[in-house]
C-alpha cells in the first residue's frame, strides 16, 4: 500500500502540487488525468524518488521513504517506472537492455536474466526482436521493450508516465493492449495518461489533478459521467466536445484536420470513427458549406460517446436557409450521406443559429 500524506513539491516559486493526500491499495489501477502543468508526472516521479518531495510523507509498506536515511535502492526494487521516452540503451540490443538491469541490480546470473528476458519479450509480442538494436524498432515496439524491462525487475508497483504520448497514433493501441494485460497480474499500477477512454476502461479509480493537488477522485463512472466539482466538469466537457469556428474562407482547413486528430487521440476514438469525423468536416465544411462561409461563420462541433462508439457532428450557421441536400456540390453530399448513419437538416428562423445540420456517425 502507498499512502501520500500532505505531499508537496516546489521548484522555487513554482509549485506543481501543494497538499496531496491519498491511499493507493495493493493491486489497484489508478489513472491520473488533468490539464498540462498540474503536476501529474512530477507526482509519480516523487513516488519513485526520482525527485524528492519538498515536504510531506510517502508511506510505502509502512515505511516513510522520504526520510533522509531511507535506502533509495529499496524503493527501486519495489517500484518500476515506464517513461514516455523509453530510455533504452542504444549501445545494447533489445535482450541486453532487459538483461542488464537484472544483472546489475538483482545480481541475477546471465543465463537466468536471458531466460526471463526471452519470456517477457514473448509476452509483449516481440519474441523475434531480441537481437535488434532500439534504433531498428518502431516507437510502439520500443515502449513494449521498456515495459518488458520493467517487468523483468519484478516490481510490486509499476508507474507509467504518459506511456503513449510519444507514439504515432497507429502504435498507441499495441502499447495499451500490453498494459491492459498487466491488470491480470494484480500489480499496483499508477498511470499518467491523456488517453481518456483507456483510463476509463482500465482503472479502478481516477485522480483528477488541478489546483495544486488531487482535485477530485472517484471511479471511472463517477469522474467521466457525473463529476462533482466544477473544474472536473469543465475538463471532461472539453474532452468530449470539439468545437471549430470556421470564420471565413481563409480558415486553416489543414490545421483543423490536426485538431480533429488530437481530439480523437485524447478520447481514444477508433480509426474508422476518426476517418468519418474528418470526412464530415472535409465534405460538409470545406466543400458543401463553402458558399455559406463566404458570408457567415460556421460552427462545427463533435461530441463522441465511448459507450457505443458513436459521434454526433453538428454544423451551425446563420444567414439564409441553406439545405446541404440542395447544394451544387452534389458529389460531396452523396459521399457524405452514404458514409454516415443519419444526416438531418433543419431551419428555424427564431433559433440562435437558424441553420443546423446534424450528422450521426
Protein backbone atom coordinates (compact mmCIF):
# COMPACT_ATOMS: atom_id res chain seq x y z
CA UNK A 1 0.00 0.00 0.00
CA UNK A 2 1.10 3.56 -0.74
CA UNK A 3 -0.06 6.46 1.40
CA UNK A 4 0.62 10.07 0.44
CA UNK A 5 0.43 12.47 3.37
CA UNK A 6 0.45 16.26 2.84
CA UNK A 7 2.84 15.79 -0.07
CA UNK A 8 4.28 18.98 -1.58
CA UNK A 9 6.75 19.74 -4.36
CA UNK A 10 8.24 23.17 -5.13
CA UNK A 11 10.72 24.47 -7.68
CA UNK A 12 11.43 27.93 -6.30
CA UNK A 13 8.21 29.88 -6.78
CA UNK A 14 6.68 27.14 -8.95
CA UNK A 15 4.50 24.67 -7.00
CA UNK A 16 3.28 21.70 -9.09
CA UNK A 17 1.32 20.42 -6.11
CA UNK A 18 0.93 21.68 -2.56
CA UNK A 19 -1.04 19.21 -0.45
CA UNK A 20 -1.67 15.71 -1.81
CA UNK A 21 -3.29 13.11 0.41
CA UNK A 22 -4.23 9.71 -0.99
CA UNK A 23 -4.16 5.99 -0.29
CA UNK A 24 -3.40 3.54 -3.11
CA UNK A 25 -4.22 -0.03 -2.21
CA UNK A 26 -2.32 -3.12 -3.30
CA UNK A 27 -3.44 -4.30 -6.73
CA UNK A 28 -5.27 -1.08 -7.63
CA UNK A 29 -5.00 0.53 -11.04
CA UNK A 30 -5.05 4.32 -10.72
CA UNK A 31 -5.10 6.69 -13.69
CA UNK A 32 -4.04 10.30 -13.17
CA UNK A 33 -5.59 12.80 -15.56
CA UNK A 34 -5.81 16.57 -15.78
CA UNK A 35 -4.60 19.62 -17.70
CA UNK A 36 -0.93 20.06 -18.56
CA UNK A 37 1.20 21.58 -15.83
CA UNK A 38 -0.79 20.25 -12.87
CA UNK A 39 2.00 18.03 -11.53
CA UNK A 40 0.88 14.61 -12.76
CA UNK A 41 4.30 13.40 -13.92
CA UNK A 42 6.03 15.15 -11.03
CA UNK A 43 3.85 13.22 -8.59
CA UNK A 44 4.82 9.78 -9.85
CA UNK A 45 8.47 10.81 -10.12
CA UNK A 46 8.27 11.74 -6.43
CA UNK A 47 6.67 8.40 -5.59
CA UNK A 48 9.64 6.66 -7.24
CA UNK A 49 12.04 9.13 -5.55
CA UNK A 50 13.43 10.20 -8.90
CA UNK A 51 12.61 13.58 -7.41
CA UNK A 52 12.49 14.39 -3.72
CA UNK A 53 9.26 15.91 -2.38
CA UNK A 54 9.74 19.28 -0.69
CA UNK A 55 7.69 18.16 2.29
CA UNK A 56 5.20 15.51 3.36
CA UNK A 57 5.36 11.74 3.56
CA UNK A 58 5.21 8.78 1.20
CA UNK A 59 4.41 5.67 3.23
CA UNK A 60 5.34 2.51 1.34
CA UNK A 61 4.55 -0.75 3.12
CA UNK A 62 4.55 1.06 6.44
CA UNK A 63 7.80 2.99 5.98
CA UNK A 64 8.23 6.68 5.19
CA UNK A 65 10.52 6.56 2.16
CA UNK A 66 11.05 10.34 2.33
CA UNK A 67 13.20 10.01 5.44
CA UNK A 68 16.81 11.03 4.62
CA UNK A 69 18.21 7.76 5.94
CA UNK A 70 15.87 5.56 3.87
CA UNK A 71 17.71 3.41 1.32
CA UNK A 72 16.52 4.56 -2.11
CA UNK A 73 17.60 1.23 -3.60
CA UNK A 74 14.75 -0.45 -1.71
CA UNK A 75 12.27 1.87 -3.47
CA UNK A 76 13.58 0.98 -6.91
CA UNK A 77 13.34 -2.72 -6.11
CA UNK A 78 9.65 -2.33 -5.24
CA UNK A 79 8.67 0.29 -7.82
CA UNK A 80 9.29 0.23 -11.57
CA UNK A 81 8.88 3.18 -13.92
CA UNK A 82 7.96 3.19 -17.62
CA UNK A 83 8.85 6.54 -19.20
CA UNK A 84 7.27 8.23 -22.20
CA UNK A 85 10.69 8.47 -23.90
CA UNK A 86 11.50 4.72 -23.49
CA UNK A 87 15.02 5.31 -22.02
CA UNK A 88 16.53 2.28 -23.77
CA UNK A 89 20.32 1.98 -24.10
CA UNK A 90 21.25 2.49 -27.76
CA UNK A 91 24.55 0.56 -27.48
CA UNK A 92 22.75 -2.59 -26.30
CA UNK A 93 20.41 -4.80 -28.27
CA UNK A 94 16.88 -5.50 -27.05
CA UNK A 95 17.57 -8.58 -24.95
CA UNK A 96 20.64 -6.93 -23.41
CA UNK A 97 18.51 -3.92 -22.43
CA UNK A 98 16.29 -6.29 -20.46
CA UNK A 99 19.13 -8.38 -19.03
CA UNK A 100 21.48 -5.62 -17.85
CA UNK A 101 19.37 -4.17 -15.00
CA UNK A 102 18.63 -7.66 -13.72
CA UNK A 103 22.32 -8.49 -13.52
CA UNK A 104 23.39 -5.11 -12.13
CA UNK A 105 20.68 -4.58 -9.51
CA UNK A 106 19.19 -8.02 -8.77
CA UNK A 107 22.55 -9.80 -9.24
CA UNK A 108 20.98 -12.48 -11.42
CA UNK A 109 23.18 -14.77 -13.44
CA UNK A 110 23.41 -14.04 -17.14
CA UNK A 111 21.58 -17.26 -18.09
CA UNK A 112 18.67 -16.51 -15.72
CA UNK A 113 18.41 -12.90 -16.92
CA UNK A 114 18.37 -14.11 -20.52
CA UNK A 115 15.65 -16.67 -19.83
CA UNK A 116 13.45 -14.10 -18.07
CA UNK A 117 14.05 -11.53 -20.81
CA UNK A 118 13.14 -14.00 -23.53
CA UNK A 119 9.88 -14.95 -21.81
CA UNK A 120 8.93 -11.31 -21.35
CA UNK A 121 9.68 -10.41 -24.97
CA UNK A 122 7.32 -13.18 -25.98
CA UNK A 123 4.74 -11.85 -23.58
CA UNK A 124 4.81 -8.37 -25.14
CA UNK A 125 4.74 -9.78 -28.68
CA UNK A 126 8.40 -9.18 -29.57
CA UNK A 127 9.89 -12.67 -29.37
CA UNK A 128 11.74 -12.16 -32.65
CA UNK A 129 13.29 -8.77 -31.77
CA UNK A 130 15.83 -9.80 -29.11
CA UNK A 131 18.87 -9.18 -31.29
CA UNK A 132 17.64 -5.90 -32.77
CA UNK A 133 19.00 -2.53 -31.69
CA UNK A 134 16.48 0.00 -30.33
CA UNK A 135 17.04 2.20 -33.39
CA UNK A 136 15.62 -0.59 -35.56
CA UNK A 137 12.30 -0.62 -33.71
CA UNK A 138 9.15 1.45 -34.04
CA UNK A 139 8.07 3.67 -31.17
CA UNK A 140 5.44 1.19 -30.07
CA UNK A 141 7.97 -1.65 -30.09
CA UNK A 142 10.45 0.40 -28.05
CA UNK A 143 7.79 1.08 -25.43
CA UNK A 144 6.90 -2.61 -25.24
CA UNK A 145 10.59 -3.40 -24.69
CA UNK A 146 10.67 -0.78 -21.93
CA UNK A 147 7.66 -2.45 -20.29
CA UNK A 148 9.33 -5.86 -20.55
CA UNK A 149 12.49 -4.42 -18.95
CA UNK A 150 10.43 -3.05 -16.05
CA UNK A 151 8.60 -6.36 -15.58
CA UNK A 152 11.92 -8.21 -15.53
CA UNK A 153 12.73 -6.45 -12.25
CA UNK A 154 9.55 -7.97 -10.75
CA UNK A 155 8.34 -4.76 -9.04
CA UNK A 156 5.26 -4.69 -6.82
CA UNK A 157 4.25 -1.31 -8.26
CA UNK A 158 4.55 -0.01 -11.82
CA UNK A 159 4.36 3.69 -12.66
CA UNK A 160 3.60 4.75 -16.23
CA UNK A 161 4.46 8.32 -17.23
CA UNK A 162 2.33 9.06 -20.33
CA UNK A 163 3.41 5.77 -21.95
CA UNK A 164 1.79 6.52 -25.32
CA UNK A 165 2.32 10.27 -25.66
CA UNK A 166 5.49 9.94 -27.77
CA UNK A 167 3.94 7.43 -30.14
CA UNK A 168 2.41 7.72 -33.57
CA UNK A 169 -1.39 7.24 -33.20
CA UNK A 170 -1.18 3.95 -35.11
CA UNK A 171 1.08 2.50 -32.40
CA UNK A 172 -0.88 3.56 -29.33
CA UNK A 173 -3.16 0.52 -29.33
CA UNK A 174 -0.36 -2.05 -29.19
CA UNK A 175 1.10 -0.49 -26.04
CA UNK A 176 -2.32 -0.08 -24.42
CA UNK A 177 -3.01 -3.76 -25.08
CA UNK A 178 0.13 -4.79 -23.19
CA UNK A 179 -0.78 -2.56 -20.24
CA UNK A 180 -4.32 -3.96 -20.19
CA UNK A 181 -2.90 -7.48 -19.99
CA UNK A 182 -0.87 -6.46 -16.93
CA UNK A 183 -4.04 -5.82 -14.95
CA UNK A 184 -4.40 -9.61 -14.66
CA UNK A 185 -1.14 -9.76 -12.66
CA UNK A 186 -2.67 -7.86 -9.70
CA UNK A 187 0.27 -5.47 -9.63
CA UNK A 188 -0.39 -1.97 -8.37
CA UNK A 189 -0.28 0.42 -11.33
CA UNK A 190 -0.37 4.22 -11.46
CA UNK A 191 -0.78 5.62 -14.97
CA UNK A 192 -0.41 9.25 -16.01
CA UNK A 193 -2.29 9.43 -19.30
CA UNK A 194 -4.10 11.74 -21.69
CA UNK A 195 -5.95 8.78 -23.29
CA UNK A 196 -9.31 9.16 -21.59
CA UNK A 197 -11.14 6.09 -22.87
CA UNK A 198 -8.11 3.99 -21.99
CA UNK A 199 -8.09 5.42 -18.45
CA UNK A 200 -11.79 4.79 -18.16
CA UNK A 201 -11.57 1.17 -19.29
CA UNK A 202 -8.53 0.10 -17.27
CA UNK A 203 -8.79 1.92 -13.94
CA UNK A 204 -10.24 1.14 -10.56
CA UNK A 205 -10.05 4.81 -9.64
CA UNK A 206 -9.29 8.11 -11.38
CA UNK A 207 -7.35 11.01 -9.84
CA UNK A 208 -8.12 14.34 -11.50
CA UNK A 209 -5.29 16.77 -10.70
CA UNK A 210 -5.78 20.53 -10.66
CA UNK A 211 -5.41 23.50 -8.29
CA UNK A 212 -2.21 22.11 -6.75
CA UNK A 213 -3.46 18.67 -5.76
CA UNK A 214 -5.86 15.82 -6.36
CA UNK A 215 -8.87 18.00 -7.06
CA UNK A 216 -11.33 15.11 -7.38
CA UNK A 217 -11.12 11.32 -7.27
CA UNK A 218 -13.59 8.55 -7.90
CA UNK A 219 -14.47 5.56 -10.02
CA UNK A 220 -14.24 6.00 -13.80
CA UNK A 221 -18.04 6.20 -13.93
CA UNK A 222 -18.12 8.96 -11.30
CA UNK A 223 -15.41 11.06 -12.89
CA UNK A 224 -16.44 10.69 -16.53
CA UNK A 225 -20.23 10.52 -16.14
CA UNK A 226 -21.00 12.51 -13.02
CA UNK A 227 -18.09 14.69 -11.85
CA UNK A 228 -18.94 16.60 -8.69
CA UNK A 229 -16.62 19.61 -8.92
CA UNK A 230 -16.64 22.48 -11.37
CA UNK A 231 -13.12 22.19 -12.83
CA UNK A 232 -13.55 18.45 -13.34
CA UNK A 233 -16.80 19.04 -15.19
CA UNK A 234 -15.16 21.63 -17.43
CA UNK A 235 -12.23 19.33 -18.18
CA UNK A 236 -14.45 16.36 -19.03
CA UNK A 237 -16.69 18.52 -21.20
CA UNK A 238 -13.70 19.84 -23.13
CA UNK A 239 -12.55 16.29 -23.72
CA UNK A 240 -15.92 15.18 -25.01
CA UNK A 241 -16.61 18.13 -27.28
CA UNK A 242 -14.55 19.60 -30.10
CA UNK A 243 -15.61 22.96 -31.48
CA UNK A 244 -14.12 24.56 -34.57
CA UNK A 245 -15.26 28.06 -35.56
CA UNK A 246 -14.80 28.46 -39.32
CA UNK A 247 -14.97 32.23 -39.67
CA UNK A 248 -14.21 32.71 -43.36
CA UNK A 249 -12.80 31.00 -46.44
CA UNK A 250 -9.23 31.81 -45.32
CA UNK A 251 -9.67 29.37 -42.43
CA UNK A 252 -6.83 26.88 -41.90
CA UNK A 253 -8.63 23.75 -43.09
CA UNK A 254 -5.46 21.63 -42.92
CA UNK A 255 -4.89 22.75 -39.33
CA UNK A 256 -8.45 21.71 -38.50
CA UNK A 257 -7.55 18.17 -39.53
CA UNK A 258 -4.75 18.22 -36.97
CA UNK A 259 -7.17 19.46 -34.28
CA UNK A 260 -9.55 16.62 -35.11
CA UNK A 261 -6.69 14.10 -34.88
CA UNK A 262 -5.71 15.43 -31.43
CA UNK A 263 -9.30 15.28 -30.24
CA UNK A 264 -9.61 11.69 -31.44
CA UNK A 265 -6.33 10.70 -29.78
CA UNK A 266 -7.32 12.23 -26.43
CA UNK A 267 -10.56 10.29 -26.46
CA UNK A 268 -9.10 7.05 -27.83
CA UNK A 269 -11.50 7.21 -30.78
CA UNK A 270 -11.16 4.22 -33.15
CA UNK A 271 -9.53 4.92 -36.55
CA UNK A 272 -12.70 4.21 -38.52
CA UNK A 273 -14.75 6.70 -36.50
CA UNK A 274 -11.96 9.28 -36.75
CA UNK A 275 -11.94 8.83 -40.54
CA UNK A 276 -15.68 9.58 -40.72
CA UNK A 277 -15.36 12.64 -38.48
CA UNK A 278 -12.64 14.01 -40.75
CA UNK A 279 -14.71 13.13 -43.80
CA UNK A 280 -17.68 15.02 -42.33
CA UNK A 281 -15.53 18.12 -41.84
CA UNK A 282 -13.91 17.96 -45.26
CA UNK A 283 -17.06 17.28 -47.27
CA UNK A 284 -19.54 19.33 -45.26
CA UNK A 285 -17.49 22.34 -44.19
CA UNK A 286 -14.70 22.61 -46.75
CA UNK A 287 -16.84 21.70 -49.76
CA UNK A 288 -20.63 21.87 -49.32
CA UNK A 289 -20.80 24.90 -46.99
CA UNK A 290 -18.01 26.91 -48.59
CA UNK A 291 -20.54 29.30 -50.24
CA UNK A 292 -22.08 29.90 -46.79
CA UNK A 293 -18.69 30.60 -45.20
CA UNK A 294 -18.17 33.44 -47.66
CA UNK A 295 -20.96 35.30 -45.84
CA UNK A 296 -21.30 33.94 -42.27
CA UNK A 297 -19.17 31.84 -39.88
CA UNK A 298 -19.96 28.15 -39.39
CA UNK A 299 -19.60 26.37 -36.05
CA UNK A 300 -18.50 22.73 -36.41
CA UNK A 301 -18.97 20.65 -33.26
CA UNK A 302 -18.19 17.00 -32.50
CA UNK A 303 -19.28 15.03 -29.44
CA UNK A 304 -18.09 11.44 -29.06
CA UNK A 305 -19.61 8.71 -26.88
CA UNK A 306 -17.34 5.85 -25.90
CA UNK A 307 -20.32 3.83 -24.65
CA UNK A 308 -21.50 2.90 -28.14
CA UNK A 309 -18.57 4.22 -30.21
CA UNK A 310 -20.70 6.88 -31.87
CA UNK A 311 -20.16 10.52 -32.68
CA UNK A 312 -22.57 13.36 -33.33
CA UNK A 313 -21.41 16.09 -35.66
CA UNK A 314 -23.29 19.38 -35.76
CA UNK A 315 -22.83 22.34 -38.09
CA UNK A 316 -24.50 25.60 -37.03
CA UNK A 317 -24.77 28.81 -39.04
CA UNK A 318 -26.97 31.84 -39.63
CA UNK A 319 -27.87 33.60 -42.82
CA UNK A 320 -30.38 32.44 -45.44
CA UNK A 321 -31.77 28.94 -45.50
CA UNK A 322 -29.17 26.61 -46.99
CA UNK A 323 -30.06 22.91 -47.18
CA UNK A 324 -26.94 20.82 -47.96
CA UNK A 325 -29.10 18.36 -49.90
CA UNK A 326 -29.70 21.13 -52.42
CA UNK A 327 -26.07 22.15 -52.67
CA UNK A 328 -24.42 22.47 -56.03
CA UNK A 329 -21.76 20.07 -54.77
CA UNK A 330 -23.92 17.02 -55.31
CA UNK A 331 -20.98 14.57 -55.23
CA UNK A 332 -19.80 15.67 -51.78
CA UNK A 333 -23.32 15.41 -50.38
CA UNK A 334 -23.82 11.91 -51.78
CA UNK A 335 -20.45 10.78 -50.45
CA UNK A 336 -21.18 12.18 -47.01
CA UNK A 337 -24.75 10.83 -46.85
CA UNK A 338 -23.61 7.34 -47.85
CA UNK A 339 -20.99 7.05 -45.10
CA UNK A 340 -22.95 8.28 -42.05
CA UNK A 341 -25.84 6.61 -40.24
CA UNK A 342 -28.02 9.73 -40.28
CA UNK A 343 -27.92 13.23 -41.77
CA UNK A 344 -30.65 15.75 -40.94
CA UNK A 345 -31.10 19.45 -41.72
CA UNK A 346 -33.43 21.94 -40.09
CA UNK A 347 -34.09 25.65 -40.41
CA UNK A 348 -35.56 27.70 -37.56
CA UNK A 349 -35.64 31.48 -38.10
CA UNK A 350 -36.23 32.01 -34.35
CA UNK A 351 -33.25 29.97 -33.15
CA UNK A 352 -29.83 31.35 -32.16
CA UNK A 353 -28.43 29.55 -35.20
CA UNK A 354 -31.07 29.44 -37.93
CA UNK A 355 -29.46 26.58 -39.87
CA UNK A 356 -28.49 23.30 -38.23
CA UNK A 357 -27.11 20.11 -39.73
CA UNK A 358 -26.87 17.01 -37.53
CA UNK A 359 -24.85 14.00 -38.55
CA UNK A 360 -24.71 10.72 -36.67
CA UNK A 361 -21.56 8.67 -37.16
